[in-house]
PDB file of all heavy atoms in Angstrom:
ATOM      1  N   ASN A   1      90.757 137.439 112.107  1.00  0.00           N
ATOM      2  CA  ASN A   1      90.037 137.589 113.378  1.00  0.00           C
ATOM      3  C   ASN A   1      90.721 136.931 114.568  1.00  0.00           C
ATOM      4  O   ASN A   1      90.271 137.102 115.700  1.00  0.00           O
ATOM      5  CB  ASN A   1      88.595 137.065 113.286  1.00  0.00           C
ATOM      6  CG  ASN A   1      87.796 137.787 112.212  1.00  0.00           C
ATOM      7  OD1 ASN A   1      88.012 138.976 111.971  1.00  0.00           O
ATOM      8  ND2 ASN A   1      86.881 137.078 111.568  1.00  0.00           N
ATOM      9  N   ILE A   2      91.780 136.144 114.338  1.00  0.00           N
ATOM     10  CA  ILE A   2      92.462 135.494 115.462  1.00  0.00           C
ATOM     11  C   ILE A   2      93.966 135.703 115.330  1.00  0.00           C
ATOM     12  O   ILE A   2      94.570 135.280 114.336  1.00  0.00           O
ATOM     13  CB  ILE A   2      92.154 133.988 115.537  1.00  0.00           C
ATOM     14  CG1 ILE A   2      90.675 133.759 115.825  1.00  0.00           C
ATOM     15  CG2 ILE A   2      93.002 133.308 116.599  1.00  0.00           C
ATOM     16  CD1 ILE A   2      90.310 132.322 116.032  1.00  0.00           C
ATOM     17  N   PRO A   3      94.615 136.343 116.316  1.00  0.00           N
ATOM     18  CA  PRO A   3      96.081 136.494 116.273  1.00  0.00           C
ATOM     19  C   PRO A   3      96.753 135.127 116.426  1.00  0.00           C
ATOM     20  O   PRO A   3      96.233 134.220 117.084  1.00  0.00           O
ATOM     21  CB  PRO A   3      96.379 137.404 117.466  1.00  0.00           C
ATOM     22  CG  PRO A   3      95.072 138.039 117.820  1.00  0.00           C
ATOM     23  CD  PRO A   3      94.011 137.056 117.450  1.00  0.00           C
ATOM     24  N   LEU A   4      97.924 134.999 115.819  1.00  0.00           N
ATOM     25  CA  LEU A   4      98.712 133.776 115.915  1.00  0.00           C
ATOM     26  C   LEU A   4      99.853 133.980 116.901  1.00  0.00           C
ATOM     27  O   LEU A   4     100.534 135.012 116.892  1.00  0.00           O
ATOM     28  CB  LEU A   4      99.263 133.401 114.539  1.00  0.00           C
ATOM     29  CG  LEU A   4      98.205 133.049 113.478  1.00  0.00           C
ATOM     30  CD1 LEU A   4      98.864 132.836 112.129  1.00  0.00           C
ATOM     31  CD2 LEU A   4      97.421 131.808 113.896  1.00  0.00           C
ATOM     32  N   SER A   5     100.062 132.972 117.746  1.00  0.00           N
ATOM     33  CA  SER A   5     101.101 133.057 118.771  1.00  0.00           C
ATOM     34  C   SER A   5     102.427 132.474 118.312  1.00  0.00           C
ATOM     35  O   SER A   5     103.497 132.933 118.742  1.00  0.00           O
ATOM     36  CB  SER A   5     100.645 132.333 120.048  1.00  0.00           C
ATOM     37  OG  SER A   5      99.488 132.933 120.564  1.00  0.00           O
ATOM     38  N   ALA A   6     102.364 131.435 117.466  1.00  0.00           N
ATOM     39  CA  ALA A   6     103.612 130.766 117.072  1.00  0.00           C
ATOM     40  C   ALA A   6     103.403 130.016 115.768  1.00  0.00           C
ATOM     41  O   ALA A   6     102.275 129.685 115.385  1.00  0.00           O
ATOM     42  CB  ALA A   6     104.066 129.803 118.167  1.00  0.00           C
ATOM     43  N   ALA A   7     104.517 129.741 115.086  1.00  0.00           N
ATOM     44  CA  ALA A   7     104.548 128.898 113.881  1.00  0.00           C
ATOM     45  C   ALA A   7     105.745 127.975 114.014  1.00  0.00           C
ATOM     46  O   ALA A   7     106.843 128.413 114.373  1.00  0.00           O
ATOM     47  CB  ALA A   7     104.645 129.746 112.627  1.00  0.00           C
ATOM     48  N   PHE A   8     105.556 126.700 113.739  1.00  0.00           N
ATOM     49  CA  PHE A   8     106.639 125.740 113.904  1.00  0.00           C
ATOM     50  C   PHE A   8     106.376 124.532 113.003  1.00  0.00           C
ATOM     51  O   PHE A   8     105.321 124.399 112.389  1.00  0.00           O
ATOM     52  CB  PHE A   8     106.757 125.286 115.370  1.00  0.00           C
ATOM     53  CG  PHE A   8     105.510 124.665 115.928  1.00  0.00           C
ATOM     54  CD1 PHE A   8     105.319 123.289 115.901  1.00  0.00           C
ATOM     55  CD2 PHE A   8     104.515 125.462 116.509  1.00  0.00           C
ATOM     56  CE1 PHE A   8     104.172 122.714 116.429  1.00  0.00           C
ATOM     57  CE2 PHE A   8     103.368 124.894 117.034  1.00  0.00           C
ATOM     58  CZ  PHE A   8     103.200 123.519 116.996  1.00  0.00           C
ATOM     59  N   ARG A   9     107.366 123.663 112.929  1.00  0.00           N
ATOM     60  CA  ARG A   9     107.249 122.430 112.147  1.00  0.00           C
ATOM     61  C   ARG A   9     107.325 121.239 113.082  1.00  0.00           C
ATOM     62  O   ARG A   9     108.219 121.164 113.923  1.00  0.00           O
ATOM     63  CB  ARG A   9     108.359 122.364 111.114  1.00  0.00           C
ATOM     64  CG  ARG A   9     108.260 123.474 110.083  1.00  0.00           C
ATOM     65  CD  ARG A   9     108.690 122.978 108.753  1.00  0.00           C
ATOM     66  NE  ARG A   9     110.018 123.474 108.419  1.00  0.00           N
ATOM     67  CZ  ARG A   9     110.489 123.484 107.176  1.00  0.00           C
ATOM     68  NH1 ARG A   9     109.760 123.026 106.199  1.00  0.00           N
ATOM     69  NH2 ARG A   9     111.691 123.936 106.917  1.00  0.00           N
ATOM     70  N   GLU A  10     106.416 120.308 112.882  1.00  0.00           N
ATOM     71  CA  GLU A  10     106.385 119.115 113.737  1.00  0.00           C
ATOM     72  C   GLU A  10     107.347 118.042 113.247  1.00  0.00           C
ATOM     73  O   GLU A  10     107.945 117.331 114.049  1.00  0.00           O
ATOM     74  CB  GLU A  10     104.959 118.561 113.779  1.00  0.00           C
ATOM     75  CG  GLU A  10     103.948 119.525 114.380  1.00  0.00           C
ATOM     76  CD  GLU A  10     102.541 118.966 114.285  1.00  0.00           C
ATOM     77  OE1 GLU A  10     102.267 117.920 114.886  1.00  0.00           O
ATOM     78  OE2 GLU A  10     101.725 119.590 113.581  1.00  0.00           O
ATOM     79  N   SER A  11     107.474 117.884 111.933  1.00  0.00           N
ATOM     80  CA  SER A  11     108.343 116.847 111.385  1.00  0.00           C
ATOM     81  C   SER A  11     108.927 117.342 110.067  1.00  0.00           C
ATOM     82  O   SER A  11     108.484 116.950 108.986  1.00  0.00           O
ATOM     83  CB  SER A  11     107.554 115.547 111.183  1.00  0.00           C
ATOM     84  OG  SER A  11     108.387 114.522 110.707  1.00  0.00           O
ATOM     85  N   PRO A  12     109.923 118.228 110.123  1.00  0.00           N
ATOM     86  CA  PRO A  12     110.437 118.845 108.889  1.00  0.00           C
ATOM     87  C   PRO A  12     111.062 117.855 107.911  1.00  0.00           C
ATOM     88  O   PRO A  12     111.054 118.100 106.713  1.00  0.00           O
ATOM     89  CB  PRO A  12     111.475 119.853 109.399  1.00  0.00           C
ATOM     90  CG  PRO A  12     111.813 119.394 110.783  1.00  0.00           C
ATOM     91  CD  PRO A  12     110.597 118.728 111.325  1.00  0.00           C
ATOM     92  N   ASP A  13     111.610 116.738 108.415  1.00  0.00           N
ATOM     93  CA  ASP A  13     112.218 115.762 107.508  1.00  0.00           C
ATOM     94  C   ASP A  13     111.168 115.010 106.705  1.00  0.00           C
ATOM     95  O   ASP A  13     111.346 114.766 105.511  1.00  0.00           O
ATOM     96  CB  ASP A  13     113.073 114.768 108.298  1.00  0.00           C
ATOM     97  CG  ASP A  13     114.293 115.431 108.914  1.00  0.00           C
ATOM     98  OD1 ASP A  13     114.721 116.467 108.378  1.00  0.00           O
ATOM     99  OD2 ASP A  13     114.794 114.915 109.932  1.00  0.00           O
ATOM    100  N   LYS A  14     110.077 114.624 107.363  1.00  0.00           N
ATOM    101  CA  LYS A  14     109.046 113.845 106.686  1.00  0.00           C
ATOM    102  C   LYS A  14     108.017 114.723 105.972  1.00  0.00           C
ATOM    103  O   LYS A  14     107.481 114.345 104.943  1.00  0.00           O
ATOM    104  CB  LYS A  14     108.336 112.945 107.701  1.00  0.00           C
ATOM    105  CG  LYS A  14     109.228 111.877 108.315  1.00  0.00           C
ATOM    106  CD  LYS A  14     108.447 111.008 109.295  1.00  0.00           C
ATOM    107  CE  LYS A  14     109.329 109.930 109.910  1.00  0.00           C
ATOM    108  NZ  LYS A  14     108.583 109.084 110.884  1.00  0.00           N
ATOM    109  N   ARG A  15     107.738 115.919 106.538  1.00  0.00           N
ATOM    110  CA  ARG A  15     106.720 116.805 105.951  1.00  0.00           C
ATOM    111  C   ARG A  15     107.294 118.219 105.838  1.00  0.00           C
ATOM    112  O   ARG A  15     106.902 119.128 106.577  1.00  0.00           O
ATOM    113  CB  ARG A  15     105.459 116.785 106.811  1.00  0.00           C
ATOM    114  CG  ARG A  15     104.730 115.450 106.775  1.00  0.00           C
ATOM    115  CD  ARG A  15     103.471 115.480 107.632  1.00  0.00           C
ATOM    116  NE  ARG A  15     103.804 115.477 109.054  1.00  0.00           N
ATOM    117  CZ  ARG A  15     104.019 114.382 109.773  1.00  0.00           C
ATOM    118  NH1 ARG A  15     103.959 113.195 109.192  1.00  0.00           N
ATOM    119  NH2 ARG A  15     104.311 114.458 111.062  1.00  0.00           N
ATOM    120  N   PRO A  16     108.240 118.425 104.899  1.00  0.00           N
ATOM    121  CA  PRO A  16     108.919 119.722 104.806  1.00  0.00           C
ATOM    122  C   PRO A  16     108.018 120.853 104.314  1.00  0.00           C
ATOM    123  O   PRO A  16     108.374 122.022 104.458  1.00  0.00           O
ATOM    124  CB  PRO A  16     110.050 119.456 103.814  1.00  0.00           C
ATOM    125  CG  PRO A  16     109.560 118.308 102.991  1.00  0.00           C
ATOM    126  CD  PRO A  16     108.762 117.452 103.920  1.00  0.00           C
ATOM    127  N   GLY A  17     106.867 120.512 103.743  1.00  0.00           N
ATOM    128  CA  GLY A  17     105.958 121.541 103.267  1.00  0.00           C
ATOM    129  C   GLY A  17     104.819 121.836 104.224  1.00  0.00           C
ATOM    130  O   GLY A  17     103.850 122.509 103.856  1.00  0.00           O
ATOM    131  N   GLN A  18     104.913 121.359 105.461  1.00  0.00           N
ATOM    132  CA  GLN A  18     103.833 121.536 106.444  1.00  0.00           C
ATOM    133  C   GLN A  18     104.287 122.462 107.570  1.00  0.00           C
ATOM    134  O   GLN A  18     105.392 122.326 108.099  1.00  0.00           O
ATOM    135  CB  GLN A  18     103.430 120.181 107.025  1.00  0.00           C
ATOM    136  CG  GLN A  18     102.336 120.249 108.080  1.00  0.00           C
ATOM    137  CD  GLN A  18     101.926 118.864 108.551  1.00  0.00           C
ATOM    138  OE1 GLN A  18     101.326 118.096 107.807  1.00  0.00           O
ATOM    139  NE2 GLN A  18     102.267 118.536 109.771  1.00  0.00           N
ATOM    140  N   VAL A  19     103.420 123.418 107.917  1.00  0.00           N
ATOM    141  CA  VAL A  19     103.682 124.365 108.995  1.00  0.00           C
ATOM    142  C   VAL A  19     102.499 124.347 109.949  1.00  0.00           C
ATOM    143  O   VAL A  19     101.342 124.438 109.512  1.00  0.00           O
ATOM    144  CB  VAL A  19     103.897 125.793 108.452  1.00  0.00           C
ATOM    145  CG1 VAL A  19     104.132 126.770 109.597  1.00  0.00           C
ATOM    146  CG2 VAL A  19     105.053 125.832 107.467  1.00  0.00           C
ATOM    147  N   THR A  20     102.778 124.198 111.251  1.00  0.00           N
ATOM    148  CA  THR A  20     101.721 124.206 112.266  1.00  0.00           C
ATOM    149  C   THR A  20     101.658 125.587 112.911  1.00  0.00           C
ATOM    150  O   THR A  20     102.692 126.156 113.287  1.00  0.00           O
ATOM    151  CB  THR A  20     101.977 123.134 113.334  1.00  0.00           C
ATOM    152  OG1 THR A  20     102.038 121.844 112.707  1.00  0.00           O
ATOM    153  CG2 THR A  20     100.859 123.114 114.369  1.00  0.00           C
ATOM    154  N   LEU A  21     100.436 126.110 113.039  1.00  0.00           N
ATOM    155  CA  LEU A  21     100.215 127.445 113.594  1.00  0.00           C
ATOM    156  C   LEU A  21      99.446 127.335 114.907  1.00  0.00           C
ATOM    157  O   LEU A  21      98.472 126.575 114.995  1.00  0.00           O
ATOM    158  CB  LEU A  21      99.437 128.310 112.599  1.00  0.00           C
ATOM    159  CG  LEU A  21     100.073 128.444 111.200  1.00  0.00           C
ATOM    160  CD1 LEU A  21      99.107 129.145 110.251  1.00  0.00           C
ATOM    161  CD2 LEU A  21     101.394 129.186 111.284  1.00  0.00           C
ATOM    162  N   LEU A  22      99.882 128.088 115.901  1.00  0.00           N
ATOM    163  CA  LEU A  22      99.233 128.122 117.215  1.00  0.00           C
ATOM    164  C   LEU A  22      98.464 129.436 117.341  1.00  0.00           C
ATOM    165  O   LEU A  22      99.031 130.524 117.185  1.00  0.00           O
ATOM    166  CB  LEU A  22     100.289 128.010 118.321  1.00  0.00           C
ATOM    167  CG  LEU A  22      99.799 128.207 119.754  1.00  0.00           C
ATOM    168  CD1 LEU A  22      98.824 127.095 120.146  1.00  0.00           C
ATOM    169  CD2 LEU A  22     100.978 128.259 120.722  1.00  0.00           C
ATOM    170  N   THR A  23      97.158 129.325 117.620  1.00  0.00           N
ATOM    171  CA  THR A  23      96.329 130.518 117.767  1.00  0.00           C
ATOM    172  C   THR A  23      96.337 131.007 119.209  1.00  0.00           C
ATOM    173  O   THR A  23      96.541 130.225 120.151  1.00  0.00           O
ATOM    174  CB  THR A  23      94.882 130.219 117.336  1.00  0.00           C
ATOM    175  OG1 THR A  23      94.316 129.254 118.221  1.00  0.00           O
ATOM    176  CG2 THR A  23      94.838 129.686 115.913  1.00  0.00           C
ATOM    177  N   SER A  24      96.093 132.307 119.374  1.00  0.00           N
ATOM    178  CA  SER A  24      96.055 132.883 120.724  1.00  0.00           C
ATOM    179  C   SER A  24      94.674 132.782 121.353  1.00  0.00           C
ATOM    180  O   SER A  24      94.505 133.095 122.538  1.00  0.00           O
ATOM    181  CB  SER A  24      96.483 134.358 120.667  1.00  0.00           C
ATOM    182  OG  SER A  24      95.609 135.083 119.820  1.00  0.00           O
ATOM    183  N   ALA A  25      93.688 132.353 120.593  1.00  0.00           N
ATOM    184  CA  ALA A  25      92.319 132.168 121.096  1.00  0.00           C
ATOM    185  C   ALA A  25      91.744 130.933 120.423  1.00  0.00           C
ATOM    186  O   ALA A  25      92.175 130.557 119.328  1.00  0.00           O
ATOM    187  CB  ALA A  25      91.461 133.397 120.797  1.00  0.00           C
ATOM    188  N   PRO A  26      90.774 130.266 121.074  1.00  0.00           N
ATOM    189  CA  PRO A  26      90.237 129.043 120.484  1.00  0.00           C
ATOM    190  C   PRO A  26      89.433 129.315 119.215  1.00  0.00           C
ATOM    191  O   PRO A  26      88.788 130.352 119.072  1.00  0.00           O
ATOM    192  CB  PRO A  26      89.350 128.473 121.596  1.00  0.00           C
ATOM    193  CG  PRO A  26      88.982 129.668 122.421  1.00  0.00           C
ATOM    194  CD  PRO A  26      90.151 130.580 122.378  1.00  0.00           C
ATOM    195  N   LEU A  27      89.504 128.359 118.293  1.00  0.00           N
ATOM    196  CA  LEU A  27      88.688 128.421 117.083  1.00  0.00           C
ATOM    197  C   LEU A  27      87.244 128.080 117.420  1.00  0.00           C
ATOM    198  O   LEU A  27      86.983 127.199 118.248  1.00  0.00           O
ATOM    199  CB  LEU A  27      89.222 127.445 116.035  1.00  0.00           C
ATOM    200  CG  LEU A  27      90.662 127.665 115.559  1.00  0.00           C
ATOM    201  CD1 LEU A  27      91.103 126.501 114.681  1.00  0.00           C
ATOM    202  CD2 LEU A  27      90.809 128.974 114.812  1.00  0.00           C
ATOM    203  N   ALA A  28      86.312 128.739 116.764  1.00  0.00           N
ATOM    204  CA  ALA A  28      84.889 128.517 117.024  1.00  0.00           C
ATOM    205  C   ALA A  28      84.368 127.400 116.126  1.00  0.00           C
ATOM    206  O   ALA A  28      84.616 127.415 114.913  1.00  0.00           O
ATOM    207  CB  ALA A  28      84.102 129.796 116.779  1.00  0.00           C
ATOM    208  N   PRO A  29      83.648 126.422 116.690  1.00  0.00           N
ATOM    209  CA  PRO A  29      83.077 125.351 115.868  1.00  0.00           C
ATOM    210  C   PRO A  29      82.156 125.917 114.784  1.00  0.00           C
ATOM    211  O   PRO A  29      81.440 126.897 114.996  1.00  0.00           O
ATOM    212  CB  PRO A  29      82.306 124.498 116.868  1.00  0.00           C
ATOM    213  CG  PRO A  29      82.949 124.794 118.187  1.00  0.00           C
ATOM    214  CD  PRO A  29      83.370 126.232 118.121  1.00  0.00           C
ATOM    215  N   ASN A  30      82.219 125.295 113.594  1.00  0.00           N
ATOM    216  CA  ASN A  30      81.391 125.647 112.430  1.00  0.00           C
ATOM    217  C   ASN A  30      81.694 127.035 111.864  1.00  0.00           C
ATOM    218  O   ASN A  30      81.011 127.485 110.932  1.00  0.00           O
ATOM    219  CB  ASN A  30      79.894 125.564 112.758  1.00  0.00           C
ATOM    220  CG  ASN A  30      79.446 124.141 113.017  1.00  0.00           C
ATOM    221  OD1 ASN A  30      79.891 123.217 112.331  1.00  0.00           O
ATOM    222  ND2 ASN A  30      78.596 123.952 114.008  1.00  0.00           N
TER     223      ASN A  30
END
């Protein structure tokens, strides 16, 4: 239900298995 604008890594050396995703619209609470 929400398109993604970007995918990137914040700290690839310390957290190589973590990917941060940027949404094109805000997430709805609950």
